[in-house]
Amino acid sequence: MAIINRTPDSFHDRGRTFALDKALVAAENALARGADWLDIGGVPFAPGPPVSIEEEIDRVVPVIEGARSRTDAVISVETYRPEVARAAFAAAPTS
């Protein structure tokens, strides 16, 4: 399992994968090293500035789309918002 956080202040990677290109490279590297599960987050769990639903979707959906085009690994999204979950499902259709 690989964790990819698109947050500038992630406790996990300290914002290393906040930029989309860095997040996509991290996903690709994790898959190449054998990860069969990608867990993608767009909102930090620590206190901080609010992240809108639209911003969270903009953070996670491109990573889902990029990863889905390269693998059939399990993709999970850390969210508590139904709108983000719906967008995530739409971005990763199953066959």
N, C-alpha and C. Protein backbone atom coordinates (compact mmCIF):
# COMPACT_ATOMS: atom_id res chain seq x y z
N MET A 1 0.85 -1.18 0.00
CA MET A 1 0.00 0.00 0.00
C MET A 1 0.89 1.23 0.00
N ALA A 2 0.50 2.21 -0.79
CA ALA A 2 1.20 3.49 -0.84
C ALA A 2 0.22 4.60 -0.51
N ILE A 3 0.69 5.57 0.25
CA ILE A 3 -0.12 6.72 0.62
C ILE A 3 0.36 7.92 -0.17
N ILE A 4 -0.58 8.60 -0.82
CA ILE A 4 -0.25 9.79 -1.59
C ILE A 4 -1.16 10.91 -1.12
N ASN A 5 -0.56 11.89 -0.46
CA ASN A 5 -1.32 13.01 0.09
C ASN A 5 -1.08 14.26 -0.74
N ARG A 6 -2.16 14.78 -1.31
CA ARG A 6 -2.09 16.04 -2.05
C ARG A 6 -2.43 17.18 -1.11
N THR A 7 -1.65 17.29 -0.06
CA THR A 7 -1.81 18.37 0.90
C THR A 7 -0.45 19.01 1.12
N PRO A 8 -0.41 20.33 1.27
CA PRO A 8 0.89 20.99 1.42
C PRO A 8 1.54 20.75 2.78
N ASP A 9 0.78 20.25 3.74
CA ASP A 9 1.29 20.10 5.10
C ASP A 9 1.07 18.69 5.65
N SER A 10 1.18 17.70 4.79
CA SER A 10 0.95 16.32 5.21
C SER A 10 1.95 15.89 6.28
N PHE A 11 1.45 15.27 7.34
CA PHE A 11 2.35 14.72 8.35
C PHE A 11 3.14 13.55 7.78
N HIS A 12 2.57 12.88 6.79
CA HIS A 12 3.19 11.68 6.23
C HIS A 12 4.40 12.03 5.37
N ASP A 13 4.24 12.97 4.46
CA ASP A 13 5.36 13.26 3.54
C ASP A 13 5.77 14.73 3.52
N ARG A 14 5.21 15.52 4.44
CA ARG A 14 5.57 16.93 4.58
C ARG A 14 5.33 17.74 3.31
N GLY A 15 4.31 17.35 2.54
CA GLY A 15 3.96 18.10 1.33
C GLY A 15 4.72 17.68 0.08
N ARG A 16 5.52 16.63 0.17
CA ARG A 16 6.33 16.17 -0.96
C ARG A 16 5.50 15.81 -2.19
N THR A 17 4.26 15.36 -1.98
CA THR A 17 3.42 14.94 -3.11
C THR A 17 2.23 15.88 -3.32
N PHE A 18 2.35 17.11 -2.86
CA PHE A 18 1.26 18.07 -3.05
C PHE A 18 1.11 18.46 -4.52
N ALA A 19 2.20 18.74 -5.20
CA ALA A 19 2.13 19.10 -6.62
C ALA A 19 1.67 17.88 -7.42
N LEU A 20 0.79 18.11 -8.38
CA LEU A 20 0.23 16.99 -9.15
C LEU A 20 1.32 16.15 -9.80
N ASP A 21 2.30 16.77 -10.42
CA ASP A 21 3.34 15.98 -11.08
C ASP A 21 4.09 15.10 -10.07
N LYS A 22 4.33 15.61 -8.88
CA LYS A 22 5.01 14.83 -7.84
C LYS A 22 4.11 13.69 -7.35
N ALA A 23 2.82 13.94 -7.24
CA ALA A 23 1.88 12.90 -6.81
C ALA A 23 1.82 11.77 -7.84
N LEU A 24 1.79 12.13 -9.10
CA LEU A 24 1.74 11.11 -10.16
C LEU A 24 3.02 10.29 -10.21
N VAL A 25 4.16 10.94 -10.03
CA VAL A 25 5.44 10.21 -9.98
C VAL A 25 5.47 9.29 -8.78
N ALA A 26 4.99 9.76 -7.63
CA ALA A 26 4.96 8.92 -6.43
C ALA A 26 4.08 7.69 -6.65
N ALA A 27 2.93 7.88 -7.29
CA ALA A 27 2.05 6.75 -7.58
C ALA A 27 2.74 5.77 -8.52
N GLU A 28 3.34 6.29 -9.57
CA GLU A 28 4.02 5.43 -10.53
C GLU A 28 5.17 4.66 -9.88
N ASN A 29 5.96 5.35 -9.04
CA ASN A 29 7.06 4.68 -8.35
C ASN A 29 6.56 3.61 -7.40
N ALA A 30 5.50 3.90 -6.68
CA ALA A 30 4.95 2.92 -5.75
C ALA A 30 4.46 1.68 -6.49
N LEU A 31 3.78 1.89 -7.60
CA LEU A 31 3.30 0.75 -8.39
C LEU A 31 4.47 -0.06 -8.95
N ALA A 32 5.51 0.62 -9.40
CA ALA A 32 6.68 -0.07 -9.94
C ALA A 32 7.38 -0.90 -8.86
N ARG A 33 7.28 -0.46 -7.61
CA ARG A 33 7.89 -1.19 -6.49
C ARG A 33 6.96 -2.26 -5.92
N GLY A 34 5.80 -2.44 -6.54
CA GLY A 34 4.93 -3.54 -6.15
C GLY A 34 3.71 -3.17 -5.34
N ALA A 35 3.45 -1.91 -5.15
CA ALA A 35 2.22 -1.54 -4.41
C ALA A 35 1.01 -2.02 -5.20
N ASP A 36 0.07 -2.60 -4.51
CA ASP A 36 -1.17 -3.02 -5.17
C ASP A 36 -2.36 -2.24 -4.64
N TRP A 37 -2.07 -1.21 -3.86
CA TRP A 37 -3.11 -0.37 -3.28
C TRP A 37 -2.56 1.04 -3.17
N LEU A 38 -3.31 2.02 -3.68
CA LEU A 38 -2.96 3.43 -3.56
C LEU A 38 -4.03 4.11 -2.73
N ASP A 39 -3.61 4.79 -1.69
CA ASP A 39 -4.52 5.53 -0.83
C ASP A 39 -4.24 7.01 -1.05
N ILE A 40 -5.22 7.74 -1.55
CA ILE A 40 -5.04 9.13 -1.96
C ILE A 40 -5.84 10.04 -1.05
N GLY A 41 -5.18 11.08 -0.56
CA GLY A 41 -5.84 12.04 0.32
C GLY A 41 -5.69 13.46 -0.20
N GLY A 42 -6.71 14.27 0.00
CA GLY A 42 -6.67 15.65 -0.45
C GLY A 42 -6.94 16.67 0.63
N VAL A 43 -7.18 16.21 1.85
CA VAL A 43 -7.44 17.11 2.97
C VAL A 43 -6.62 16.63 4.16
N PRO A 44 -5.86 17.54 4.78
CA PRO A 44 -5.10 17.10 5.96
C PRO A 44 -6.02 16.82 7.14
N PHE A 45 -5.60 15.93 7.99
CA PHE A 45 -6.40 15.63 9.18
C PHE A 45 -6.03 16.53 10.34
N ALA A 46 -4.91 17.21 10.25
CA ALA A 46 -4.51 18.16 11.29
C ALA A 46 -5.28 19.47 11.10
N PRO A 47 -5.39 20.24 12.15
CA PRO A 47 -6.04 21.54 12.00
C PRO A 47 -5.29 22.40 10.98
N GLY A 48 -6.04 23.18 10.28
CA GLY A 48 -5.44 24.06 9.27
C GLY A 48 -6.51 24.77 8.50
N PRO A 49 -6.12 25.44 7.43
CA PRO A 49 -7.11 26.16 6.63
C PRO A 49 -8.11 25.19 6.00
N PRO A 50 -9.36 25.62 5.89
CA PRO A 50 -10.37 24.75 5.28
C PRO A 50 -10.06 24.49 3.81
N VAL A 51 -10.45 23.31 3.36
CA VAL A 51 -10.32 22.92 1.96
C VAL A 51 -11.73 22.69 1.44
N SER A 52 -12.10 23.39 0.39
CA SER A 52 -13.45 23.26 -0.16
C SER A 52 -13.62 21.89 -0.81
N ILE A 53 -14.86 21.52 -1.01
CA ILE A 53 -15.17 20.27 -1.70
C ILE A 53 -14.55 20.28 -3.09
N GLU A 54 -14.68 21.39 -3.80
CA GLU A 54 -14.14 21.49 -5.16
C GLU A 54 -12.63 21.33 -5.16
N GLU A 55 -11.96 21.94 -4.20
CA GLU A 55 -10.50 21.83 -4.11
C GLU A 55 -10.08 20.40 -3.80
N GLU A 56 -10.79 19.75 -2.90
CA GLU A 56 -10.47 18.35 -2.58
C GLU A 56 -10.64 17.48 -3.82
N ILE A 57 -11.71 17.68 -4.55
CA ILE A 57 -11.91 16.92 -5.80
C ILE A 57 -10.78 17.21 -6.78
N ASP A 58 -10.41 18.48 -6.91
CA ASP A 58 -9.32 18.85 -7.82
C ASP A 58 -7.99 18.24 -7.40
N ARG A 59 -7.82 17.97 -6.15
CA ARG A 59 -6.59 17.35 -5.67
C ARG A 59 -6.55 15.85 -5.90
N VAL A 60 -7.65 15.15 -5.68
CA VAL A 60 -7.61 13.69 -5.74
C VAL A 60 -7.95 13.09 -7.10
N VAL A 61 -8.89 13.68 -7.81
CA VAL A 61 -9.34 13.07 -9.07
C VAL A 61 -8.23 12.94 -10.11
N PRO A 62 -7.38 13.95 -10.34
CA PRO A 62 -6.32 13.76 -11.34
C PRO A 62 -5.35 12.63 -10.98
N VAL A 63 -5.13 12.41 -9.70
CA VAL A 63 -4.24 11.31 -9.30
C VAL A 63 -4.93 9.98 -9.57
N ILE A 64 -6.21 9.91 -9.27
CA ILE A 64 -6.98 8.69 -9.56
C ILE A 64 -6.93 8.40 -11.06
N GLU A 65 -7.21 9.40 -11.87
CA GLU A 65 -7.22 9.21 -13.32
C GLU A 65 -5.85 8.78 -13.84
N GLY A 66 -4.80 9.42 -13.34
CA GLY A 66 -3.46 9.06 -13.77
C GLY A 66 -3.08 7.66 -13.36
N ALA A 67 -3.39 7.28 -12.13
CA ALA A 67 -3.06 5.95 -11.65
C ALA A 67 -3.90 4.89 -12.35
N ARG A 68 -5.18 5.16 -12.53
CA ARG A 68 -6.07 4.18 -13.14
C ARG A 68 -5.64 3.85 -14.57
N SER A 69 -5.08 4.82 -15.26
CA SER A 69 -4.65 4.56 -16.64
C SER A 69 -3.42 3.67 -16.69
N ARG A 70 -2.74 3.46 -15.56
CA ARG A 70 -1.51 2.68 -15.52
C ARG A 70 -1.63 1.33 -14.82
N THR A 71 -2.73 1.11 -14.11
CA THR A 71 -2.78 -0.09 -13.27
C THR A 71 -4.22 -0.51 -12.97
N ASP A 72 -4.32 -1.69 -12.44
CA ASP A 72 -5.60 -2.15 -11.92
C ASP A 72 -5.53 -2.27 -10.39
N ALA A 73 -4.56 -1.59 -9.78
CA ALA A 73 -4.43 -1.60 -8.32
C ALA A 73 -5.68 -1.02 -7.66
N VAL A 74 -5.89 -1.40 -6.43
CA VAL A 74 -6.97 -0.83 -5.64
C VAL A 74 -6.63 0.63 -5.39
N ILE A 75 -7.62 1.50 -5.55
CA ILE A 75 -7.45 2.92 -5.25
C ILE A 75 -8.49 3.31 -4.22
N SER A 76 -8.00 3.84 -3.10
CA SER A 76 -8.90 4.35 -2.07
C SER A 76 -8.66 5.84 -1.91
N VAL A 77 -9.70 6.53 -1.45
CA VAL A 77 -9.61 7.97 -1.23
C VAL A 77 -10.04 8.25 0.19
N GLU A 78 -9.20 8.99 0.90
CA GLU A 78 -9.53 9.39 2.27
C GLU A 78 -10.40 10.63 2.21
N THR A 79 -11.66 10.48 2.48
CA THR A 79 -12.57 11.61 2.49
C THR A 79 -13.74 11.30 3.40
N TYR A 80 -14.36 12.34 3.87
CA TYR A 80 -15.60 12.19 4.64
C TYR A 80 -16.76 12.84 3.90
N ARG A 81 -16.49 13.31 2.68
CA ARG A 81 -17.50 14.05 1.92
C ARG A 81 -18.08 13.18 0.81
N PRO A 82 -19.40 13.04 0.77
CA PRO A 82 -20.01 12.21 -0.27
C PRO A 82 -19.74 12.73 -1.68
N GLU A 83 -19.64 14.04 -1.85
CA GLU A 83 -19.39 14.60 -3.19
C GLU A 83 -18.02 14.18 -3.72
N VAL A 84 -17.04 14.14 -2.83
CA VAL A 84 -15.70 13.71 -3.22
C VAL A 84 -15.70 12.22 -3.53
N ALA A 85 -16.39 11.45 -2.73
CA ALA A 85 -16.48 10.01 -2.98
C ALA A 85 -17.12 9.73 -4.33
N ARG A 86 -18.19 10.45 -4.64
CA ARG A 86 -18.85 10.26 -5.96
C ARG A 86 -17.89 10.61 -7.10
N ALA A 87 -17.16 11.71 -6.96
CA ALA A 87 -16.20 12.10 -8.00
C ALA A 87 -15.10 11.07 -8.14
N ALA A 88 -14.66 10.50 -7.01
CA ALA A 88 -13.62 9.48 -7.04
C ALA A 88 -14.13 8.22 -7.77
N PHE A 89 -15.34 7.79 -7.45
CA PHE A 89 -15.90 6.64 -8.15
C PHE A 89 -16.02 6.89 -9.64
N ALA A 90 -16.45 8.07 -10.01
CA ALA A 90 -16.60 8.42 -11.42
C ALA A 90 -15.26 8.43 -12.14
N ALA A 91 -14.20 8.79 -11.44
CA ALA A 91 -12.86 8.88 -12.05
C ALA A 91 -12.20 7.52 -12.20
N ALA A 92 -12.70 6.52 -11.51
CA ALA A 92 -12.07 5.20 -11.53
C ALA A 92 -13.10 4.13 -11.86
N PRO A 93 -13.66 4.20 -13.06
CA PRO A 93 -14.66 3.17 -13.40
C PRO A 93 -14.04 1.77 -13.41
N THR A 94 -14.83 0.83 -13.02
CA THR A 94 -14.37 -0.56 -13.05
C THR A 94 -14.98 -1.25 -14.25
N SER A 95 -14.31 -2.28 -14.67
CA SER A 95 -14.81 -3.00 -15.87
C SER A 95 -15.88 -4.00 -15.53
